[in-house]
mmCIF file of all heavy atoms, coordinates in Angstrom:
data_MODEL
# 
_entry.id   MODEL 
# 
loop_
_atom_site.group_PDB 
_atom_site.id 
_atom_site.type_symbol 
_atom_site.label_atom_id 
_atom_site.label_alt_id 
_atom_site.label_comp_id 
_atom_site.label_asym_id 
_atom_site.label_entity_id 
_atom_site.label_seq_id 
_atom_site.pdbx_PDB_ins_code 
_atom_site.Cartn_x 
_atom_site.Cartn_y 
_atom_site.Cartn_z 
_atom_site.occupancy 
_atom_site.B_iso_or_equiv 
_atom_site.pdbx_formal_charge 
_atom_site.auth_seq_id 
_atom_site.auth_comp_id 
_atom_site.auth_asym_id 
_atom_site.auth_atom_id 
_atom_site.pdbx_PDB_model_num 
ATOM 1   N N   . ASN A 1 1  ? 0.819  -1.245  0.009   1.00 0.00 ? 1  ASN A N   1 
ATOM 2   C CA  . ASN A 1 1  ? 0.003  -0.012  -0.019  1.00 0.00 ? 1  ASN A CA  1 
ATOM 3   C C   . ASN A 1 1  ? 0.829  1.305   -0.031  1.00 0.00 ? 1  ASN A C   1 
ATOM 4   O O   . ASN A 1 1  ? 0.300  2.379   -0.048  1.00 0.00 ? 1  ASN A O   1 
ATOM 5   C CB  . ASN A 1 1  ? -0.897 0.003   1.227   1.00 0.00 ? 1  ASN A CB  1 
ATOM 6   C CG  . ASN A 1 1  ? -1.891 -1.147  1.209   1.00 0.00 ? 1  ASN A CG  1 
ATOM 7   O OD1 . ASN A 1 1  ? -2.470 -1.458  0.169   1.00 0.00 ? 1  ASN A OD1 1 
ATOM 8   N ND2 . ASN A 1 1  ? -2.159 -1.759  2.348   1.00 0.00 ? 1  ASN A ND2 1 
ATOM 9   N N   . THR A 1 2  ? 2.190  1.144   0.047   1.00 0.00 ? 2  THR A N   1 
ATOM 10  C CA  . THR A 1 2  ? 3.078  2.302   0.077   1.00 0.00 ? 2  THR A CA  1 
ATOM 11  C C   . THR A 1 2  ? 3.097  2.987   -1.323  1.00 0.00 ? 2  THR A C   1 
ATOM 12  O O   . THR A 1 2  ? 3.284  2.330   -2.326  1.00 0.00 ? 2  THR A O   1 
ATOM 13  C CB  . THR A 1 2  ? 4.500  1.924   0.466   1.00 0.00 ? 2  THR A CB  1 
ATOM 14  O OG1 . THR A 1 2  ? 4.453  1.263   1.758   1.00 0.00 ? 2  THR A OG1 1 
ATOM 15  C CG2 . THR A 1 2  ? 5.358  3.168   0.531   1.00 0.00 ? 2  THR A CG2 1 
ATOM 16  N N   . ARG A 1 3  ? 2.882  4.266   -1.324  1.00 0.00 ? 3  ARG A N   1 
ATOM 17  C CA  . ARG A 1 3  ? 3.032  5.055   -2.604  1.00 0.00 ? 3  ARG A CA  1 
ATOM 18  C C   . ARG A 1 3  ? 4.484  5.338   -2.794  1.00 0.00 ? 3  ARG A C   1 
ATOM 19  O O   . ARG A 1 3  ? 5.126  6.020   -1.967  1.00 0.00 ? 3  ARG A O   1 
ATOM 20  C CB  . ARG A 1 3  ? 2.201  6.275   -2.486  1.00 0.00 ? 3  ARG A CB  1 
ATOM 21  C CG  . ARG A 1 3  ? 0.682  6.021   -2.312  1.00 0.00 ? 3  ARG A CG  1 
ATOM 22  C CD  . ARG A 1 3  ? -0.100 7.326   -2.399  1.00 0.00 ? 3  ARG A CD  1 
ATOM 23  N NE  . ARG A 1 3  ? -0.040 7.936   -3.667  1.00 0.00 ? 3  ARG A NE  1 
ATOM 24  C CZ  . ARG A 1 3  ? -0.615 9.112   -4.006  1.00 0.00 ? 3  ARG A CZ  1 
ATOM 25  N NH1 . ARG A 1 3  ? -1.323 9.776   -3.096  1.00 0.00 ? 3  ARG A NH1 1 
ATOM 26  N NH2 . ARG A 1 3  ? -0.490 9.605   -5.199  1.00 0.00 ? 3  ARG A NH2 1 
ATOM 27  N N   . PHE A 1 4  ? 5.023  4.826   -3.880  1.00 0.00 ? 4  PHE A N   1 
ATOM 28  C CA  . PHE A 1 4  ? 6.505  4.919   -4.057  1.00 0.00 ? 4  PHE A CA  1 
ATOM 29  C C   . PHE A 1 4  ? 6.813  5.101   -5.511  1.00 0.00 ? 4  PHE A C   1 
ATOM 30  O O   . PHE A 1 4  ? 6.308  4.421   -6.375  1.00 0.00 ? 4  PHE A O   1 
ATOM 31  C CB  . PHE A 1 4  ? 7.128  3.638   -3.502  1.00 0.00 ? 4  PHE A CB  1 
ATOM 32  C CG  . PHE A 1 4  ? 8.556  3.496   -3.915  1.00 0.00 ? 4  PHE A CG  1 
ATOM 33  C CD1 . PHE A 1 4  ? 9.558  4.227   -3.240  1.00 0.00 ? 4  PHE A CD1 1 
ATOM 34  C CD2 . PHE A 1 4  ? 8.938  2.573   -4.886  1.00 0.00 ? 4  PHE A CD2 1 
ATOM 35  C CE1 . PHE A 1 4  ? 10.849 4.070   -3.607  1.00 0.00 ? 4  PHE A CE1 1 
ATOM 36  C CE2 . PHE A 1 4  ? 10.307 2.408   -5.254  1.00 0.00 ? 4  PHE A CE2 1 
ATOM 37  C CZ  . PHE A 1 4  ? 11.212 3.222   -4.579  1.00 0.00 ? 4  PHE A CZ  1 
ATOM 38  N N   . ASN A 1 5  ? 7.740  6.049   -5.815  1.00 0.00 ? 5  ASN A N   1 
ATOM 39  C CA  . ASN A 1 5  ? 8.214  6.279   -7.153  1.00 0.00 ? 5  ASN A CA  1 
ATOM 40  C C   . ASN A 1 5  ? 9.671  6.632   -7.006  1.00 0.00 ? 5  ASN A C   1 
ATOM 41  O O   . ASN A 1 5  ? 10.052 7.769   -6.632  1.00 0.00 ? 5  ASN A O   1 
ATOM 42  C CB  . ASN A 1 5  ? 7.446  7.332   -7.889  1.00 0.00 ? 5  ASN A CB  1 
ATOM 43  C CG  . ASN A 1 5  ? 7.874  7.495   -9.325  1.00 0.00 ? 5  ASN A CG  1 
ATOM 44  O OD1 . ASN A 1 5  ? 8.968  7.067   -9.735  1.00 0.00 ? 5  ASN A OD1 1 
ATOM 45  N ND2 . ASN A 1 5  ? 7.014  8.072   -10.144 1.00 0.00 ? 5  ASN A ND2 1 
ATOM 46  N N   . ALA A 1 6  ? 10.586 5.661   -7.326  1.00 0.00 ? 6  ALA A N   1 
ATOM 47  C CA  . ALA A 1 6  ? 12.044 5.912   -7.149  1.00 0.00 ? 6  ALA A CA  1 
ATOM 48  C C   . ALA A 1 6  ? 12.497 7.065   -8.016  1.00 0.00 ? 6  ALA A C   1 
ATOM 49  O O   . ALA A 1 6  ? 13.437 7.737   -7.624  1.00 0.00 ? 6  ALA A O   1 
ATOM 50  C CB  . ALA A 1 6  ? 12.774 4.599   -7.531  1.00 0.00 ? 6  ALA A CB  1 
ATOM 51  N N   . ASP A 1 7  ? 11.894 7.293   -9.177  1.00 0.00 ? 7  ASP A N   1 
ATOM 52  C CA  . ASP A 1 7  ? 12.319 8.354   -10.022 1.00 0.00 ? 7  ASP A CA  1 
ATOM 53  C C   . ASP A 1 7  ? 12.081 9.716   -9.475  1.00 0.00 ? 7  ASP A C   1 
ATOM 54  O O   . ASP A 1 7  ? 12.726 10.714  -9.912  1.00 0.00 ? 7  ASP A O   1 
ATOM 55  C CB  . ASP A 1 7  ? 11.599 8.260   -11.391 1.00 0.00 ? 7  ASP A CB  1 
ATOM 56  C CG  . ASP A 1 7  ? 11.963 7.025   -12.209 1.00 0.00 ? 7  ASP A CG  1 
ATOM 57  O OD1 . ASP A 1 7  ? 13.153 6.544   -12.023 1.00 0.00 ? 7  ASP A OD1 1 
ATOM 58  O OD2 . ASP A 1 7  ? 11.185 6.520   -13.030 1.00 0.00 ? 7  ASP A OD2 1 
ATOM 59  N N   . GLN A 1 8  ? 11.234 9.850   -8.439  1.00 0.00 ? 8  GLN A N   1 
ATOM 60  C CA  . GLN A 1 8  ? 10.941 11.112  -7.830  1.00 0.00 ? 8  GLN A CA  1 
ATOM 61  C C   . GLN A 1 8  ? 11.808 11.406  -6.581  1.00 0.00 ? 8  GLN A C   1 
ATOM 62  O O   . GLN A 1 8  ? 11.681 12.424  -5.994  1.00 0.00 ? 8  GLN A O   1 
ATOM 63  C CB  . GLN A 1 8  ? 9.501  11.204  -7.477  1.00 0.00 ? 8  GLN A CB  1 
ATOM 64  C CG  . GLN A 1 8  ? 8.539  11.154  -8.625  1.00 0.00 ? 8  GLN A CG  1 
ATOM 65  C CD  . GLN A 1 8  ? 7.071  11.175  -8.257  1.00 0.00 ? 8  GLN A CD  1 
ATOM 66  O OE1 . GLN A 1 8  ? 6.733  11.060  -7.082  1.00 0.00 ? 8  GLN A OE1 1 
ATOM 67  N NE2 . GLN A 1 8  ? 6.222  11.348  -9.242  1.00 0.00 ? 8  GLN A NE2 1 
ATOM 68  N N   . ILE A 1 9  ? 12.674 10.430  -6.260  1.00 0.00 ? 9  ILE A N   1 
ATOM 69  C CA  . ILE A 1 9  ? 13.549 10.557  -5.076  1.00 0.00 ? 9  ILE A CA  1 
ATOM 70  C C   . ILE A 1 9  ? 14.913 10.895  -5.563  1.00 0.00 ? 9  ILE A C   1 
ATOM 71  O O   . ILE A 1 9  ? 15.572 10.171  -6.338  1.00 0.00 ? 9  ILE A O   1 
ATOM 72  C CB  . ILE A 1 9  ? 13.603 9.292   -4.230  1.00 0.00 ? 9  ILE A CB  1 
ATOM 73  C CG1 . ILE A 1 9  ? 12.191 8.948   -3.725  1.00 0.00 ? 9  ILE A CG1 1 
ATOM 74  C CG2 . ILE A 1 9  ? 14.541 9.441   -3.029  1.00 0.00 ? 9  ILE A CG2 1 
ATOM 75  C CD1 . ILE A 1 9  ? 12.128 7.663   -2.988  1.00 0.00 ? 9  ILE A CD1 1 
ATOM 76  N N   . ASN A 1 10 ? 15.472 12.088  -5.138  1.00 0.00 ? 10 ASN A N   1 
ATOM 77  C CA  . ASN A 1 10 ? 16.724 12.615  -5.618  1.00 0.00 ? 10 ASN A CA  1 
ATOM 78  C C   . ASN A 1 10 ? 17.859 12.102  -4.752  1.00 0.00 ? 10 ASN A C   1 
ATOM 79  O O   . ASN A 1 10 ? 18.215 12.752  -3.792  1.00 0.00 ? 10 ASN A O   1 
ATOM 80  C CB  . ASN A 1 10 ? 16.706 14.123  -5.694  1.00 0.00 ? 10 ASN A CB  1 
ATOM 81  C CG  . ASN A 1 10 ? 17.980 14.666  -6.315  1.00 0.00 ? 10 ASN A CG  1 
ATOM 82  O OD1 . ASN A 1 10 ? 18.638 14.000  -7.115  1.00 0.00 ? 10 ASN A OD1 1 
ATOM 83  N ND2 . ASN A 1 10 ? 18.320 15.881  -5.974  1.00 0.00 ? 10 ASN A ND2 1 
ATOM 84  N N   . ASN A 1 11 ? 18.367 10.929  -5.057  1.00 0.00 ? 11 ASN A N   1 
ATOM 85  C CA  . ASN A 1 11 ? 19.548 10.411  -4.345  1.00 0.00 ? 11 ASN A CA  1 
ATOM 86  C C   . ASN A 1 11 ? 20.290 9.469   -5.256  1.00 0.00 ? 11 ASN A C   1 
ATOM 87  O O   . ASN A 1 11 ? 19.682 8.912   -6.215  1.00 0.00 ? 11 ASN A O   1 
ATOM 88  C CB  . ASN A 1 11 ? 19.177 9.725   -3.093  1.00 0.00 ? 11 ASN A CB  1 
ATOM 89  C CG  . ASN A 1 11 ? 20.294 9.777   -1.997  1.00 0.00 ? 11 ASN A CG  1 
ATOM 90  O OD1 . ASN A 1 11 ? 21.431 10.001  -2.311  1.00 0.00 ? 11 ASN A OD1 1 
ATOM 91  N ND2 . ASN A 1 11 ? 19.915 9.530   -0.739  1.00 0.00 ? 11 ASN A ND2 1 
ATOM 92  N N   . LEU A 1 12 ? 21.574 9.280   -4.992  1.00 0.00 ? 12 LEU A N   1 
ATOM 93  C CA  . LEU A 1 12 ? 22.362 8.400   -5.874  1.00 0.00 ? 12 LEU A CA  1 
ATOM 94  C C   . LEU A 1 12 ? 21.842 6.964   -5.897  1.00 0.00 ? 12 LEU A C   1 
ATOM 95  O O   . LEU A 1 12 ? 21.754 6.375   -6.977  1.00 0.00 ? 12 LEU A O   1 
ATOM 96  C CB  . LEU A 1 12 ? 23.855 8.469   -5.393  1.00 0.00 ? 12 LEU A CB  1 
ATOM 97  C CG  . LEU A 1 12 ? 24.846 7.791   -6.325  1.00 0.00 ? 12 LEU A CG  1 
ATOM 98  C CD1 . LEU A 1 12 ? 24.915 8.481   -7.683  1.00 0.00 ? 12 LEU A CD1 1 
ATOM 99  C CD2 . LEU A 1 12 ? 26.277 7.857   -5.657  1.00 0.00 ? 12 LEU A CD2 1 
ATOM 100 N N   . VAL A 1 13 ? 21.545 6.442   -4.755  1.00 0.00 ? 13 VAL A N   1 
ATOM 101 C CA  . VAL A 1 13 ? 20.950 5.121   -4.632  1.00 0.00 ? 13 VAL A CA  1 
ATOM 102 C C   . VAL A 1 13 ? 19.672 5.149   -3.762  1.00 0.00 ? 13 VAL A C   1 
ATOM 103 O O   . VAL A 1 13 ? 19.674 5.826   -2.739  1.00 0.00 ? 13 VAL A O   1 
ATOM 104 C CB  . VAL A 1 13 ? 21.942 4.098   -3.944  1.00 0.00 ? 13 VAL A CB  1 
ATOM 105 C CG1 . VAL A 1 13 ? 21.320 2.737   -3.864  1.00 0.00 ? 13 VAL A CG1 1 
ATOM 106 C CG2 . VAL A 1 13 ? 23.232 4.051   -4.770  1.00 0.00 ? 13 VAL A CG2 1 
ATOM 107 N N   . VAL A 1 14 ? 18.643 4.533   -4.247  1.00 0.00 ? 14 VAL A N   1 
ATOM 108 C CA  . VAL A 1 14 ? 17.421 4.413   -3.458  1.00 0.00 ? 14 VAL A CA  1 
ATOM 109 C C   . VAL A 1 14 ? 17.126 2.907   -3.300  1.00 0.00 ? 14 VAL A C   1 
ATOM 110 O O   . VAL A 1 14 ? 17.066 2.150   -4.257  1.00 0.00 ? 14 VAL A O   1 
ATOM 111 C CB  . VAL A 1 14 ? 16.236 5.087   -4.179  1.00 0.00 ? 14 VAL A CB  1 
ATOM 112 C CG1 . VAL A 1 14 ? 14.934 4.828   -3.438  1.00 0.00 ? 14 VAL A CG1 1 
ATOM 113 C CG2 . VAL A 1 14 ? 16.481 6.548   -4.369  1.00 0.00 ? 14 VAL A CG2 1 
ATOM 114 N N   . GLY A 1 15 ? 17.012 2.452   -2.055  1.00 0.00 ? 15 GLY A N   1 
ATOM 115 C CA  . GLY A 1 15 ? 16.802 1.040   -1.780  1.00 0.00 ? 15 GLY A CA  1 
ATOM 116 C C   . GLY A 1 15 ? 15.419 0.768   -1.241  1.00 0.00 ? 15 GLY A C   1 
ATOM 117 O O   . GLY A 1 15 ? 14.813 1.637   -0.549  1.00 0.00 ? 15 GLY A O   1 
ATOM 118 N N   . VAL A 1 16 ? 14.868 -0.432  -1.591  1.00 0.00 ? 16 VAL A N   1 
ATOM 119 C CA  . VAL A 1 16 ? 13.573 -0.769  -1.107  1.00 0.00 ? 16 VAL A CA  1 
ATOM 120 C C   . VAL A 1 16 ? 13.582 -2.254  -0.695  1.00 0.00 ? 16 VAL A C   1 
ATOM 121 O O   . VAL A 1 16 ? 14.188 -3.108  -1.333  1.00 0.00 ? 16 VAL A O   1 
ATOM 122 C CB  . VAL A 1 16 ? 12.541 -0.682  -2.270  1.00 0.00 ? 16 VAL A CB  1 
ATOM 123 C CG1 . VAL A 1 16 ? 11.238 -1.290  -1.910  1.00 0.00 ? 16 VAL A CG1 1 
ATOM 124 C CG2 . VAL A 1 16 ? 12.312 0.785   -2.627  1.00 0.00 ? 16 VAL A CG2 1 
ATOM 125 N N   . ALA A 1 17 ? 12.935 -2.528  0.411   1.00 0.00 ? 17 ALA A N   1 
ATOM 126 C CA  . ALA A 1 17 ? 12.768 -3.915  0.898   1.00 0.00 ? 17 ALA A CA  1 
ATOM 127 C C   . ALA A 1 17 ? 11.270 -4.122  1.127   1.00 0.00 ? 17 ALA A C   1 
ATOM 128 O O   . ALA A 1 17 ? 10.605 -3.254  1.731   1.00 0.00 ? 17 ALA A O   1 
ATOM 129 C CB  . ALA A 1 17 ? 13.514 -4.179  2.221   1.00 0.00 ? 17 ALA A CB  1 
ATOM 130 N N   . ALA A 1 18 ? 10.729 -5.201  0.645   1.00 0.00 ? 18 ALA A N   1 
ATOM 131 C CA  . ALA A 1 18 ? 9.302  -5.450  0.793   1.00 0.00 ? 18 ALA A CA  1 
ATOM 132 C C   . ALA A 1 18 ? 8.991  -6.957  0.774   1.00 0.00 ? 18 ALA A C   1 
ATOM 133 O O   . ALA A 1 18 ? 9.796  -7.764  0.360   1.00 0.00 ? 18 ALA A O   1 
ATOM 134 C CB  . ALA A 1 18 ? 8.520  -4.775  -0.360  1.00 0.00 ? 18 ALA A CB  1 
ATOM 135 N N   . ARG A 1 19 ? 7.828  -7.273  1.353   1.00 0.00 ? 19 ARG A N   1 
ATOM 136 C CA  . ARG A 1 19 ? 7.332  -8.651  1.315   1.00 0.00 ? 19 ARG A CA  1 
ATOM 137 C C   . ARG A 1 19 ? 5.938  -8.549  0.662   1.00 0.00 ? 19 ARG A C   1 
ATOM 138 O O   . ARG A 1 19 ? 5.014  -7.923  1.246   1.00 0.00 ? 19 ARG A O   1 
ATOM 139 C CB  . ARG A 1 19 ? 7.250  -9.238  2.699   1.00 0.00 ? 19 ARG A CB  1 
ATOM 140 C CG  . ARG A 1 19 ? 6.925  -10.684 2.751   1.00 0.00 ? 19 ARG A CG  1 
ATOM 141 C CD  . ARG A 1 19 ? 7.103  -11.231 4.180   1.00 0.00 ? 19 ARG A CD  1 
ATOM 142 N NE  . ARG A 1 19 ? 6.727  -12.650 4.276   1.00 0.00 ? 19 ARG A NE  1 
ATOM 143 C CZ  . ARG A 1 19 ? 7.510  -13.655 3.934   1.00 0.00 ? 19 ARG A CZ  1 
ATOM 144 N NH1 . ARG A 1 19 ? 8.756  -13.411 3.539   1.00 0.00 ? 19 ARG A NH1 1 
ATOM 145 N NH2 . ARG A 1 19 ? 7.109  -14.954 4.006   1.00 0.00 ? 19 ARG A NH2 1 
ATOM 146 N N   . ILE A 1 20 ? 5.755  -9.180  -0.471  1.00 0.00 ? 20 ILE A N   1 
ATOM 147 C CA  . ILE A 1 20 ? 4.531  -9.003  -1.274  1.00 0.00 ? 20 ILE A CA  1 
ATOM 148 C C   . ILE A 1 20 ? 4.003  -10.387 -1.705  1.00 0.00 ? 20 ILE A C   1 
ATOM 149 O O   . ILE A 1 20 ? 4.791  -11.269 -1.995  1.00 0.00 ? 20 ILE A O   1 
ATOM 150 C CB  . ILE A 1 20 ? 4.880  -8.159  -2.503  1.00 0.00 ? 20 ILE A CB  1 
ATOM 151 C CG1 . ILE A 1 20 ? 5.164  -6.661  -2.067  1.00 0.00 ? 20 ILE A CG1 1 
ATOM 152 C CG2 . ILE A 1 20 ? 3.686  -8.117  -3.468  1.00 0.00 ? 20 ILE A CG2 1 
ATOM 153 C CD1 . ILE A 1 20 ? 5.453  -5.730  -3.195  1.00 0.00 ? 20 ILE A CD1 1 
ATOM 154 N N   . GLY A 1 21 ? 2.711  -10.468 -1.698  1.00 0.00 ? 21 GLY A N   1 
ATOM 155 C CA  . GLY A 1 21 ? 2.016  -11.704 -2.151  1.00 0.00 ? 21 GLY A CA  1 
ATOM 156 C C   . GLY A 1 21 ? 1.880  -11.670 -3.653  1.00 0.00 ? 21 GLY A C   1 
ATOM 157 O O   . GLY A 1 21 ? 2.657  -11.047 -4.396  1.00 0.00 ? 21 GLY A O   1 
ATOM 158 N N   . THR A 1 22 ? 0.835  -12.347 -4.144  1.00 0.00 ? 22 THR A N   1 
ATOM 159 C CA  . THR A 1 22 ? 0.571  -12.420 -5.601  1.00 0.00 ? 22 THR A CA  1 
ATOM 160 C C   . THR A 1 22 ? 0.552  -10.955 -6.170  1.00 0.00 ? 22 THR A C   1 
ATOM 161 O O   . THR A 1 22 ? -0.284 -10.133 -5.670  1.00 0.00 ? 22 THR A O   1 
ATOM 162 C CB  . THR A 1 22 ? -0.730 -13.150 -5.869  1.00 0.00 ? 22 THR A CB  1 
ATOM 163 O OG1 . THR A 1 22 ? -0.633 -14.462 -5.313  1.00 0.00 ? 22 THR A OG1 1 
ATOM 164 C CG2 . THR A 1 22 ? -0.967 -13.211 -7.343  1.00 0.00 ? 22 THR A CG2 1 
ATOM 165 N N   . HIS A 1 23 ? 1.293  -10.750 -7.204  1.00 0.00 ? 23 HIS A N   1 
ATOM 166 C CA  . HIS A 1 23 ? 1.402  -9.368  -7.713  1.00 0.00 ? 23 HIS A CA  1 
ATOM 167 C C   . HIS A 1 23 ? 1.866  -9.378  -9.190  1.00 0.00 ? 23 HIS A C   1 
ATOM 168 O O   . HIS A 1 23 ? 2.707  -10.213 -9.576  1.00 0.00 ? 23 HIS A O   1 
ATOM 169 C CB  . HIS A 1 23 ? 2.455  -8.588  -6.844  1.00 0.00 ? 23 HIS A CB  1 
ATOM 170 C CG  . HIS A 1 23 ? 2.708  -7.194  -7.347  1.00 0.00 ? 23 HIS A CG  1 
ATOM 171 N ND1 . HIS A 1 23 ? 1.800  -6.161  -7.242  1.00 0.00 ? 23 HIS A ND1 1 
ATOM 172 C CD2 . HIS A 1 23 ? 3.835  -6.706  -7.967  1.00 0.00 ? 23 HIS A CD2 1 
ATOM 173 C CE1 . HIS A 1 23 ? 2.302  -5.092  -7.764  1.00 0.00 ? 23 HIS A CE1 1 
ATOM 174 N NE2 . HIS A 1 23 ? 3.529  -5.354  -8.194  1.00 0.00 ? 23 HIS A NE2 1 
ATOM 175 N N   . ASP A 1 24 ? 1.346  -8.480  -9.949  1.00 0.00 ? 24 ASP A N   1 
ATOM 176 C CA  . ASP A 1 24 ? 1.746  -8.265  -11.359 1.00 0.00 ? 24 ASP A CA  1 
ATOM 177 C C   . ASP A 1 24 ? 1.958  -6.782  -11.518 1.00 0.00 ? 24 ASP A C   1 
ATOM 178 O O   . ASP A 1 24 ? 1.018  -5.980  -11.455 1.00 0.00 ? 24 ASP A O   1 
ATOM 179 C CB  . ASP A 1 24 ? 0.680  -8.791  -12.293 1.00 0.00 ? 24 ASP A CB  1 
ATOM 180 C CG  . ASP A 1 24 ? 1.125  -8.743  -13.767 1.00 0.00 ? 24 ASP A CG  1 
ATOM 181 O OD1 . ASP A 1 24 ? 1.967  -7.899  -14.125 1.00 0.00 ? 24 ASP A OD1 1 
ATOM 182 O OD2 . ASP A 1 24 ? 0.622  -9.532  -14.578 1.00 0.00 ? 24 ASP A OD2 1 
# 
């Protein structure tokens, strides 16, 4: 449910960790 867009975050590296069920 997190609203996230890496392209809008101004940093050299942006990391994400998540646990997700069935998803496309």
